[in-house]
């Protein structure tokens, strides 16, 4: 699989227009400033930002509180775990 199949912007929130359930099931990893992040709620490669969840804190609507950070974003497809 190539990284070219990944969209410029992707969100894990089902209410977002950038949500893609099929792609998220395959497994998308994010490297932000060269470090792999596991708490990414949304990213945009062309604008160079990620939204990271801020702990377990929720807003009034029950959505995770997020922090927007700017920098180089590198999405990639995760390799499927091979079970022996």
C-alpha atoms as a PDB file:
ATOM      1  CA  UNK A   1       0.000   0.000   0.000  1.00  0.00           C
ATOM      2  CA  UNK A   2       1.271   3.468  -0.732  1.00  0.00           C
ATOM      3  CA  UNK A   3       0.948   6.623   1.321  1.00  0.00           C
ATOM      4  CA  UNK A   4      -0.562   8.325  -1.734  1.00  0.00           C
ATOM      5  CA  UNK A   5      -3.926   6.711  -0.926  1.00  0.00           C
ATOM      6  CA  UNK A   6      -4.204   8.729   2.288  1.00  0.00           C
ATOM      7  CA  UNK A   7      -6.328  11.903   2.248  1.00  0.00           C
ATOM      8  CA  UNK A   8      -4.970  15.367   2.971  1.00  0.00           C
ATOM      9  CA  UNK A   9      -7.289  15.636   5.966  1.00  0.00           C
ATOM     10  CA  UNK A  10      -8.801  12.920   8.166  1.00  0.00           C
ATOM     11  CA  UNK A  11     -10.834  12.901  11.378  1.00  0.00           C
ATOM     12  CA  UNK A  12     -11.854  10.168  13.842  1.00  0.00           C
ATOM     13  CA  UNK A  13     -15.121  11.994  14.686  1.00  0.00           C
ATOM     14  CA  UNK A  14     -18.063  10.368  12.820  1.00  0.00           C
ATOM     15  CA  UNK A  15     -19.860  13.745  12.623  1.00  0.00           C
ATOM     16  CA  UNK A  16     -16.976  15.323  10.664  1.00  0.00           C
ATOM     17  CA  UNK A  17     -17.088  15.568   6.847  1.00  0.00           C
ATOM     18  CA  UNK A  18     -13.468  14.295   6.894  1.00  0.00           C
ATOM     19  CA  UNK A  19     -14.380  11.001   8.604  1.00  0.00           C
ATOM     20  CA  UNK A  20     -13.599   7.764   6.685  1.00  0.00           C
ATOM     21  CA  UNK A  21     -14.497   4.592   8.612  1.00  0.00           C
ATOM     22  CA  UNK A  22     -13.009   2.169   6.067  1.00  0.00           C
ATOM     23  CA  UNK A  23      -9.647   3.924   6.104  1.00  0.00           C
ATOM     24  CA  UNK A  24      -9.552   4.153   9.901  1.00  0.00           C
ATOM     25  CA  UNK A  25     -10.262   0.414  10.202  1.00  0.00           C
ATOM     26  CA  UNK A  26      -7.209  -0.318   8.023  1.00  0.00           C
ATOM     27  CA  UNK A  27      -5.076   1.638  10.477  1.00  0.00           C
ATOM     28  CA  UNK A  28      -3.584   5.072   9.962  1.00  0.00           C
ATOM     29  CA  UNK A  29      -0.513   6.188  11.860  1.00  0.00           C
ATOM     30  CA  UNK A  30       0.617   9.793  12.283  1.00  0.00           C
ATOM     31  CA  UNK A  31       4.133  11.141  12.678  1.00  0.00           C
ATOM     32  CA  UNK A  32       4.127  14.729  13.929  1.00  0.00           C
ATOM     33  CA  UNK A  33       7.497  16.502  13.935  1.00  0.00           C
ATOM     34  CA  UNK A  34       9.130  13.078  13.489  1.00  0.00           C
ATOM     35  CA  UNK A  35       7.442  11.508  16.555  1.00  0.00           C
ATOM     36  CA  UNK A  36       4.632   8.954  16.306  1.00  0.00           C
ATOM     37  CA  UNK A  37       1.444  10.193  17.989  1.00  0.00           C
ATOM     38  CA  UNK A  38      -1.353   7.892  19.151  1.00  0.00           C
ATOM     39  CA  UNK A  39      -3.865  10.479  20.408  1.00  0.00           C
ATOM     40  CA  UNK A  40      -4.568  12.295  17.121  1.00  0.00           C
ATOM     41  CA  UNK A  41      -8.232  13.256  16.633  1.00  0.00           C
ATOM     42  CA  UNK A  42      -7.762  15.025  13.274  1.00  0.00           C
ATOM     43  CA  UNK A  43      -4.935  16.049  10.956  1.00  0.00           C
ATOM     44  CA  UNK A  44      -4.344  18.193   7.867  1.00  0.00           C
ATOM     45  CA  UNK A  45      -1.159  17.682   5.859  1.00  0.00           C
ATOM     46  CA  UNK A  46      -1.454  20.714   3.548  1.00  0.00           C
ATOM     47  CA  UNK A  47      -2.046  23.158   6.426  1.00  0.00           C
ATOM     48  CA  UNK A  48       0.472  21.372   8.698  1.00  0.00           C
ATOM     49  CA  UNK A  49      -1.501  20.760  11.904  1.00  0.00           C
ATOM     50  CA  UNK A  50      -2.892  18.020  14.130  1.00  0.00           C
ATOM     51  CA  UNK A  51      -5.580  18.011  16.827  1.00  0.00           C
ATOM     52  CA  UNK A  52      -4.550  15.943  19.821  1.00  0.00           C
ATOM     53  CA  UNK A  53      -6.912  14.865  22.578  1.00  0.00           C
ATOM     54  CA  UNK A  54      -6.127  16.496  25.908  1.00  0.00           C
ATOM     55  CA  UNK A  55      -6.267  13.562  28.290  1.00  0.00           C
ATOM     56  CA  UNK A  56      -9.696  12.226  29.211  1.00  0.00           C
ATOM     57  CA  UNK A  57     -11.307  15.668  29.432  1.00  0.00           C
ATOM     58  CA  UNK A  58     -14.632  16.077  27.605  1.00  0.00           C
ATOM     59  CA  UNK A  59     -16.550  19.142  26.500  1.00  0.00           C
ATOM     60  CA  UNK A  60     -20.276  19.749  27.143  1.00  0.00           C
ATOM     61  CA  UNK A  61     -21.260  17.699  24.096  1.00  0.00           C
ATOM     62  CA  UNK A  62     -19.213  14.708  25.275  1.00  0.00           C
ATOM     63  CA  UNK A  63     -16.458  15.152  22.687  1.00  0.00           C
ATOM     64  CA  UNK A  64     -12.800  15.021  23.715  1.00  0.00           C
ATOM     65  CA  UNK A  65     -11.113  18.353  24.388  1.00  0.00           C
ATOM     66  CA  UNK A  66      -8.383  18.910  21.815  1.00  0.00           C
ATOM     67  CA  UNK A  67      -5.241  20.954  21.336  1.00  0.00           C
ATOM     68  CA  UNK A  68      -4.221  22.118  17.860  1.00  0.00           C
ATOM     69  CA  UNK A  69      -0.480  21.961  17.153  1.00  0.00           C
ATOM     70  CA  UNK A  70       1.300  23.138  14.015  1.00  0.00           C
ATOM     71  CA  UNK A  71       4.212  21.386  12.352  1.00  0.00           C
ATOM     72  CA  UNK A  72       5.056  18.763   9.719  1.00  0.00           C
ATOM     73  CA  UNK A  73       2.491  15.925   9.560  1.00  0.00           C
ATOM     74  CA  UNK A  74       3.278  12.527   8.011  1.00  0.00           C
ATOM     75  CA  UNK A  75       0.352  10.070   7.782  1.00  0.00           C
ATOM     76  CA  UNK A  76       1.053   6.440   6.897  1.00  0.00           C
ATOM     77  CA  UNK A  77      -0.759   3.128   6.732  1.00  0.00           C
ATOM     78  CA  UNK A  78       0.088   0.810   9.582  1.00  0.00           C
ATOM     79  CA  UNK A  79       1.249  -2.695   8.810  1.00  0.00           C
ATOM     80  CA  UNK A  80      -1.277  -5.349   9.818  1.00  0.00           C
ATOM     81  CA  UNK A  81      -0.201  -7.372  12.832  1.00  0.00           C
ATOM     82  CA  UNK A  82       0.738 -10.879  11.798  1.00  0.00           C
ATOM     83  CA  UNK A  83      -0.493 -13.448  14.295  1.00  0.00           C
ATOM     84  CA  UNK A  84       1.492 -16.663  14.448  1.00  0.00           C
END
